Structure formats: C-alpha cells, structure tokens
Amino acid sequence: MSSSRASGRSVVPSVLHPRLRREIRRPIGVLGRLGDHAIFYARALRSVPHAAIHHRRETIRLIAETSMGAGNLALIGGTVVIVGFLTLATGSTLAVQGYSTLGDIGIEALTGFLSAFINVRIAAPVVVGIGLAATFGAGATAQLGAMRINEEIDALESLGINPVSYVVGTRIAAGMIVLAPLYAIALIASFAACHFTTVVLLGQSTGLYSHYFSTFLNPLDLVWSFVQAFAMALLILLIHTYFGFFASGGPAGVGIAVGDAVRTSLIAVVTVTLLVSLAIYGSNGNFNLSG
C-alpha cells in the first residue's frame, strides 16, 4: 500500500497537464488535417488526365448525371435546372432592388448597369458555386461515403484499380466539363431575368435598359468571371470528394461528412470571390462611371 493510502489521503490527478497537452496538440492537428487535404488534392488533380482517358464511360455517365440528374431526379434535380432557377431568382431580385433603390435618387435608368456589373462580378459566380455545392458536390460526398462504408473503394483496390482515379478523378473531370455550358446558362438566365423584370414588369424602355447594359458590360469581366467560376468549381469538387472518400462511422458518418463538406465549400466560395475581387479588380474596380 502506498504512503498516500496509508496516510488516509486520496490522490487527485491534476487536469492541468492533460488540458495543456490538448491545447498544444490542437494546432498540430489542424496543420495535419491541412496537410492531408493538400496531399489528397494533389493526388486527385494528378489523376484527372488518367481518369479522362482510361475511364471514359464513367466520366460520360457522370457528365449526364451532373448536368440533368439521374433516376427520379432527372430533369428536375440536375445541376443545370437548380442553377437556372437560382440565377433567375437572383437576376429578378437584383432588378427589383436596383430599380427601386436607384429610383429614390432619380437614376433608375442605370438598372442595366447593375445587371452588367453585379451579375458578372458577384451574383452569378456565387450563385453557381452555391448551386454546385448543394447538388453535385453534396451528391459526390454521399456517393463516395456510401462506397467507403460499403467497402467498395477497398474492392477497387483489390482489383488493381486506382480508386482515386476512378471515383475522384472522373468526378472532377465531369464537373469541369459541365461547368463551362452551365455557367454560360447561368449568366444568360441572370441577364434575361433582370431584363424581363426591368422592362416588362417595371416598365422601363427596352432601348434605355439595353444602352446602359451594353455600355457597361465589359468582355474582360466576363473572362475573369469564368475564371472565377472554374476556380470555385474545382475547389468545391476537391473538398467534397475528400470528405466523401475518407468518410467513416456508417450512415451517420456519411451524413456528417456531407454537412462538413457543404459548410467548408460554402466558405471556400465566398473566400474565392473575395480573393478574386481583390486580385483582379483592386481598389478602383477597373471601372469609371461618368456622364
């Protein structure tokens, strides 16, 4: 018997040192997770050319599933449909708010300028990023998570198939192929919704709206808008495939992985928008409004 028990006193373990160790290990764990993300992203990007060449059928299937949906969600749950509805609503809201706000100071004629300026630089990229994260991104996380907990990914490895190339590279290739027409549709829908709301519903003349719209629609802004959309889409796909590929804990773990992926990708969308705006447009915005 120890001397402490012999003396009748109980020894209370100190919680200071375990708590201190946890606090010290926390930033180390964060750095470790960031390193895991970086390694997986590098492997996934390296596997895209191989997936596009050697897994063409799977890539084509994912392109169809990404754009128009699959099964019971076909034609109503595809990314194109969801993003189209989102951009239509965003363009209409922008027209209503812009026309009303500018009308308070007597310059409602500049509603066309808002459509050409805000839709291209902010609204369309953000809406497409959110739509892509909520549809294809969340679906990819759920699919990969289900494959992981059902040991289908392990089965691919046992067959000598690179799982990163087959289940991750194909999805990244399909998403990037679909993005170009998808984003073009989103921009056209936002422009059309803003034009219809301003001209037909609010009564502004077509010539006045078209004049300011065409005057302030900068083709270079369109190019940078596509670049921004591609950067956001690539980051969203990498994030969602990572969380799905390493999901664990059964069906509940897959749900947690989907939630974590969506939250992370939404933060990535607004972060990319901010960084691109600072890098490309700077403080002056490459814009001069003068009469």
Protein backbone atom coordinates (compact mmCIF):
# COMPACT_ATOMS: atom_id res chain seq x y z
CA MET A 1 0.00 0.00 0.00
CA SER A 2 1.32 3.40 -0.93
CA SER A 3 2.15 6.02 1.59
CA SER A 4 -0.73 8.20 0.41
CA ARG A 5 -3.25 5.48 1.06
CA ALA A 6 -1.57 4.67 4.33
CA SER A 7 -1.99 8.20 5.48
CA GLY A 8 -5.70 8.11 4.52
CA ARG A 9 -5.44 10.82 1.87
CA SER A 10 -6.73 10.35 -1.69
CA VAL A 11 -4.58 11.50 -4.58
CA VAL A 12 -6.48 13.74 -7.06
CA PRO A 13 -4.89 13.65 -10.52
CA SER A 14 -4.10 17.05 -11.90
CA VAL A 15 -6.09 18.08 -15.02
CA LEU A 16 -3.75 20.93 -15.86
CA HIS A 17 -1.24 18.89 -17.81
CA PRO A 18 -3.74 16.87 -19.92
CA ARG A 19 -5.61 20.06 -20.75
CA LEU A 20 -2.37 21.80 -21.64
CA ARG A 21 -1.38 18.87 -23.87
CA ARG A 22 -4.74 19.04 -25.66
CA GLU A 23 -4.34 22.75 -26.30
CA ILE A 24 -0.83 22.22 -27.65
CA ARG A 25 -1.93 19.36 -29.88
CA ARG A 26 -4.87 21.28 -31.33
CA PRO A 27 -2.87 23.45 -33.80
CA ILE A 28 -0.75 20.42 -34.65
CA GLY A 29 -3.91 18.52 -35.52
CA VAL A 30 -5.17 21.40 -37.66
CA LEU A 31 -1.90 21.51 -39.57
CA GLY A 32 -2.04 17.75 -40.01
CA ARG A 33 -5.54 17.92 -41.47
CA LEU A 34 -4.47 20.69 -43.84
CA GLY A 35 -1.58 18.52 -44.94
CA ASP A 36 -3.95 15.60 -45.55
CA HIS A 37 -6.15 17.86 -47.68
CA ALA A 38 -3.16 19.10 -49.69
CA ILE A 39 -1.85 15.58 -50.34
CA PHE A 40 -5.28 14.34 -51.43
CA TYR A 41 -5.84 17.36 -53.68
CA ALA A 42 -2.50 16.76 -55.39
CA ARG A 43 -3.33 13.08 -55.93
CA ALA A 44 -6.79 13.95 -57.25
CA LEU A 45 -5.53 16.56 -59.71
CA ARG A 46 -2.80 14.24 -60.91
CA SER A 47 -5.38 11.51 -61.56
CA VAL A 48 -7.72 13.63 -63.72
CA PRO A 49 -5.93 13.07 -67.09
CA HIS A 50 -5.69 9.33 -66.42
CA ALA A 51 -9.37 9.19 -65.48
CA ALA A 52 -10.48 11.10 -68.57
CA ILE A 53 -8.53 8.74 -70.85
CA HIS A 54 -8.93 5.33 -69.20
CA HIS A 55 -12.36 5.74 -67.58
CA ARG A 56 -14.23 7.50 -70.37
CA ARG A 57 -17.51 5.64 -69.88
CA GLU A 58 -17.66 6.51 -66.21
CA THR A 59 -16.78 10.13 -66.98
CA ILE A 60 -19.53 10.37 -69.60
CA ARG A 61 -22.04 8.84 -67.18
CA LEU A 62 -21.10 11.38 -64.53
CA ILE A 63 -21.40 14.23 -67.03
CA ALA A 64 -25.01 13.22 -67.75
CA GLU A 65 -25.74 12.71 -64.06
CA THR A 66 -24.20 16.04 -63.11
CA SER A 67 -25.96 18.13 -65.72
CA MET A 68 -29.50 16.70 -65.82
CA GLY A 69 -29.69 14.43 -62.78
CA ALA A 70 -30.37 10.72 -62.62
CA GLY A 71 -33.25 8.44 -61.76
CA ASN A 72 -36.24 10.11 -60.16
CA LEU A 73 -34.42 13.45 -60.04
CA ALA A 74 -33.85 13.61 -63.80
CA LEU A 75 -34.94 16.89 -65.41
CA ILE A 76 -35.91 18.44 -62.06
CA GLY A 77 -32.92 17.77 -59.81
CA GLY A 78 -29.96 18.25 -62.11
CA THR A 79 -27.38 20.93 -61.54
CA VAL A 80 -28.41 22.83 -64.68
CA VAL A 81 -32.03 23.11 -63.55
CA ILE A 82 -31.20 24.10 -59.97
CA VAL A 83 -28.62 26.69 -61.00
CA GLY A 84 -31.00 28.04 -63.65
CA PHE A 85 -33.75 28.63 -61.08
CA LEU A 86 -31.29 30.22 -58.65
CA THR A 87 -29.89 32.64 -61.21
CA LEU A 88 -33.36 33.55 -62.49
CA ALA A 89 -34.43 34.46 -58.97
CA THR A 90 -31.18 36.33 -58.31
CA GLY A 91 -31.45 38.37 -61.52
CA SER A 92 -35.06 39.29 -60.81
CA THR A 93 -34.26 40.30 -57.23
CA LEU A 94 -31.36 42.42 -58.42
CA ALA A 95 -33.60 44.20 -60.93
CA VAL A 96 -36.34 44.92 -58.38
CA GLN A 97 -33.98 46.16 -55.68
CA GLY A 98 -31.80 48.10 -58.10
CA TYR A 99 -34.69 49.81 -59.85
CA SER A 100 -36.33 50.75 -56.55
CA THR A 101 -33.13 51.99 -54.90
CA LEU A 102 -31.87 53.93 -57.91
CA GLY A 103 -35.35 55.38 -58.43
CA ASP A 104 -35.15 57.02 -55.00
CA ILE A 105 -32.41 59.29 -56.33
CA GLY A 106 -33.81 59.58 -59.85
CA ILE A 107 -31.34 57.39 -61.76
CA GLU A 108 -33.37 54.21 -62.29
CA ALA A 109 -32.10 54.26 -65.87
CA LEU A 110 -28.87 52.71 -64.54
CA THR A 111 -30.58 49.41 -63.72
CA GLY A 112 -28.98 47.98 -66.86
CA PHE A 113 -25.60 48.96 -65.45
CA LEU A 114 -26.30 46.98 -62.26
CA SER A 115 -27.16 43.91 -64.30
CA ALA A 116 -23.95 44.12 -66.33
CA PHE A 117 -21.79 44.91 -63.31
CA ILE A 118 -23.08 42.89 -60.34
CA ASN A 119 -24.27 39.80 -62.18
CA VAL A 120 -20.89 39.25 -63.82
CA ARG A 121 -18.64 40.09 -60.89
CA ILE A 122 -20.54 38.83 -57.86
CA ALA A 123 -24.02 37.35 -58.23
CA ALA A 124 -23.59 34.71 -60.93
CA PRO A 125 -20.30 33.23 -59.64
CA VAL A 126 -21.56 32.99 -56.06
CA VAL A 127 -24.93 31.51 -57.07
CA VAL A 128 -23.29 28.93 -59.33
CA GLY A 129 -20.85 27.99 -56.57
CA ILE A 130 -23.67 27.52 -54.06
CA GLY A 131 -25.73 25.53 -56.56
CA LEU A 132 -22.80 23.30 -57.44
CA ALA A 133 -22.03 22.65 -53.77
CA ALA A 134 -25.66 21.84 -52.97
CA THR A 135 -26.19 19.49 -55.92
CA PHE A 136 -23.18 17.80 -57.47
CA GLY A 137 -20.86 18.41 -54.52
CA ALA A 138 -23.20 17.02 -51.86
CA GLY A 139 -24.14 14.12 -54.12
CA ALA A 140 -20.49 13.25 -54.72
CA THR A 141 -19.78 13.25 -50.98
CA ALA A 142 -22.75 10.99 -50.27
CA GLN A 143 -21.86 8.58 -53.09
CA LEU A 144 -18.21 8.29 -52.13
CA GLY A 145 -19.11 8.00 -48.46
CA ALA A 146 -21.52 5.15 -49.21
CA MET A 147 -18.85 3.44 -51.30
CA ARG A 148 -16.35 3.82 -48.46
CA ILE A 149 -18.54 2.37 -45.70
CA ASN A 150 -19.68 -0.47 -48.01
CA GLU A 151 -16.00 -1.25 -48.74
CA GLU A 152 -16.47 -0.70 -52.46
CA ILE A 153 -13.39 1.52 -52.58
CA ASP A 154 -11.36 -1.24 -50.92
CA ALA A 155 -12.76 -3.65 -53.52
CA LEU A 156 -11.47 -1.41 -56.30
CA GLU A 157 -8.01 -1.50 -54.78
CA SER A 158 -8.16 -5.30 -54.56
CA LEU A 159 -8.97 -5.39 -58.30
CA GLY A 160 -5.92 -3.28 -59.09
CA ILE A 161 -7.93 -0.16 -59.95
CA ASN A 162 -6.72 3.16 -58.60
CA PRO A 163 -9.74 4.36 -56.56
CA VAL A 164 -8.63 7.99 -56.60
CA SER A 165 -8.60 7.96 -60.40
CA TYR A 166 -11.85 6.01 -60.80
CA VAL A 167 -14.10 7.68 -58.23
CA VAL A 168 -12.44 11.09 -57.73
CA GLY A 169 -10.68 11.93 -60.99
CA THR A 170 -13.75 11.07 -63.07
CA ARG A 171 -15.97 13.34 -60.97
CA ILE A 172 -13.55 16.24 -61.20
CA ALA A 173 -13.25 15.80 -64.98
CA ALA A 174 -17.04 15.60 -65.37
CA GLY A 175 -17.61 18.64 -63.19
CA MET A 176 -15.11 20.81 -65.05
CA ILE A 177 -16.52 19.75 -68.44
CA VAL A 178 -20.06 20.58 -67.37
CA LEU A 179 -19.12 23.90 -65.80
CA ALA A 180 -18.50 25.90 -69.00
CA PRO A 181 -22.01 25.47 -70.51
CA LEU A 182 -23.52 25.52 -67.03
CA TYR A 183 -22.01 28.89 -66.21
CA ALA A 184 -22.92 30.28 -69.63
CA ILE A 185 -26.55 29.25 -68.98
CA ALA A 186 -26.40 30.85 -65.53
CA LEU A 187 -25.16 34.17 -66.92
CA ILE A 188 -27.76 34.19 -69.70
CA ALA A 189 -30.52 33.36 -67.21
CA SER A 190 -29.48 36.14 -64.85
CA PHE A 191 -29.28 38.68 -67.70
CA ALA A 192 -32.65 37.57 -69.10
CA ALA A 193 -34.35 37.69 -65.70
CA CYS A 194 -33.00 41.17 -64.99
CA HIS A 195 -34.06 42.41 -68.43
CA PHE A 196 -37.55 40.89 -68.20
CA THR A 197 -38.18 42.26 -64.70
CA THR A 198 -36.94 45.76 -65.52
CA VAL A 199 -38.56 46.15 -68.94
CA VAL A 200 -41.75 44.09 -68.76
CA LEU A 201 -42.67 44.25 -65.08
CA LEU A 202 -41.28 47.63 -64.07
CA GLY A 203 -41.94 49.43 -67.36
CA GLN A 204 -38.52 50.77 -68.33
CA SER A 205 -37.96 51.18 -72.07
CA THR A 206 -36.01 48.44 -73.81
CA GLY A 207 -33.68 50.89 -75.55
CA LEU A 208 -32.74 52.66 -72.32
CA TYR A 209 -32.03 49.41 -70.50
CA SER A 210 -30.07 47.92 -73.40
CA HIS A 211 -27.99 51.08 -73.80
CA TYR A 212 -26.63 51.08 -70.26
CA PHE A 213 -26.34 47.30 -70.19
CA SER A 214 -24.21 47.12 -73.34
CA THR A 215 -22.19 50.18 -72.34
CA PHE A 216 -21.03 48.74 -69.01
CA LEU A 217 -20.77 45.06 -69.98
CA ASN A 218 -17.01 44.60 -70.15
CA PRO A 219 -15.91 41.48 -72.12
CA LEU A 220 -12.82 41.21 -69.92
CA ASP A 221 -15.07 40.97 -66.87
CA LEU A 222 -16.81 38.02 -68.50
CA VAL A 223 -13.49 36.26 -68.96
CA TRP A 224 -12.50 36.80 -65.34
CA SER A 225 -15.97 35.71 -64.26
CA PHE A 226 -15.46 32.37 -66.00
CA VAL A 227 -12.03 32.03 -64.42
CA GLN A 228 -13.54 32.68 -61.01
CA ALA A 229 -16.28 30.11 -61.63
CA PHE A 230 -13.76 27.47 -62.68
CA ALA A 231 -11.61 28.12 -59.60
CA MET A 232 -14.61 27.82 -57.28
CA ALA A 233 -15.89 24.67 -59.00
CA LEU A 234 -12.50 22.96 -58.80
CA LEU A 235 -12.14 23.78 -55.11
CA ILE A 236 -15.70 22.60 -54.39
CA LEU A 237 -15.12 19.29 -56.16
CA LEU A 238 -11.85 18.69 -54.32
CA ILE A 239 -13.41 19.46 -50.94
CA HIS A 240 -16.47 17.26 -51.44
CA THR A 241 -14.58 14.30 -52.84
CA TYR A 242 -12.11 14.47 -49.94
CA PHE A 243 -14.83 14.30 -47.28
CA GLY A 244 -16.63 11.52 -49.12
CA PHE A 245 -13.50 9.49 -49.81
CA PHE A 246 -12.48 9.46 -46.14
CA ALA A 247 -15.96 9.16 -44.61
CA SER A 248 -16.32 6.77 -41.68
CA GLY A 249 -18.77 5.82 -38.98
CA GLY A 250 -21.54 4.22 -41.01
CA PRO A 251 -24.55 6.06 -42.48
CA ALA A 252 -24.42 8.68 -39.74
CA GLY A 253 -20.80 9.34 -40.59
CA VAL A 254 -21.71 9.88 -44.24
CA GLY A 255 -24.29 12.46 -43.21
CA ILE A 256 -21.72 14.24 -41.06
CA ALA A 257 -19.26 14.20 -43.96
CA VAL A 258 -21.83 15.77 -46.29
CA GLY A 259 -22.57 18.51 -43.77
CA ASP A 260 -18.87 19.24 -43.18
CA ALA A 261 -18.21 19.32 -46.93
CA VAL A 262 -21.07 21.71 -47.66
CA ARG A 263 -20.04 24.08 -44.88
CA THR A 264 -16.41 24.05 -46.00
CA SER A 265 -17.27 24.56 -49.67
CA LEU A 266 -19.59 27.49 -48.92
CA ILE A 267 -16.77 29.17 -47.02
CA ALA A 268 -14.49 28.44 -49.98
CA VAL A 269 -16.98 30.06 -52.40
CA VAL A 270 -17.10 33.39 -50.60
CA THR A 271 -13.35 33.28 -49.93
CA VAL A 272 -12.55 32.77 -53.61
CA THR A 273 -14.96 35.59 -54.53
CA LEU A 274 -13.21 37.93 -52.11
CA LEU A 275 -9.69 37.00 -53.21
CA VAL A 276 -10.51 37.20 -56.92
CA SER A 277 -12.16 40.60 -56.44
CA LEU A 278 -9.12 41.91 -54.60
CA ALA A 279 -6.65 40.42 -57.07
CA ILE A 280 -8.40 41.40 -60.32
CA TYR A 281 -10.41 44.49 -59.61
CA GLY A 282 -8.38 46.00 -56.82
CA SER A 283 -9.47 49.18 -55.11
CA ASN A 284 -10.69 51.04 -58.20
CA GLY A 285 -12.54 48.08 -59.78
CA ASN A 286 -11.33 48.85 -63.33
CA PHE A 287 -14.47 50.92 -63.70
CA ASN A 288 -15.29 54.56 -64.34
CA LEU A 289 -18.87 55.82 -64.04
CA SER A 290 -19.09 59.31 -65.52
CA GLY A 291 -21.60 61.21 -67.53
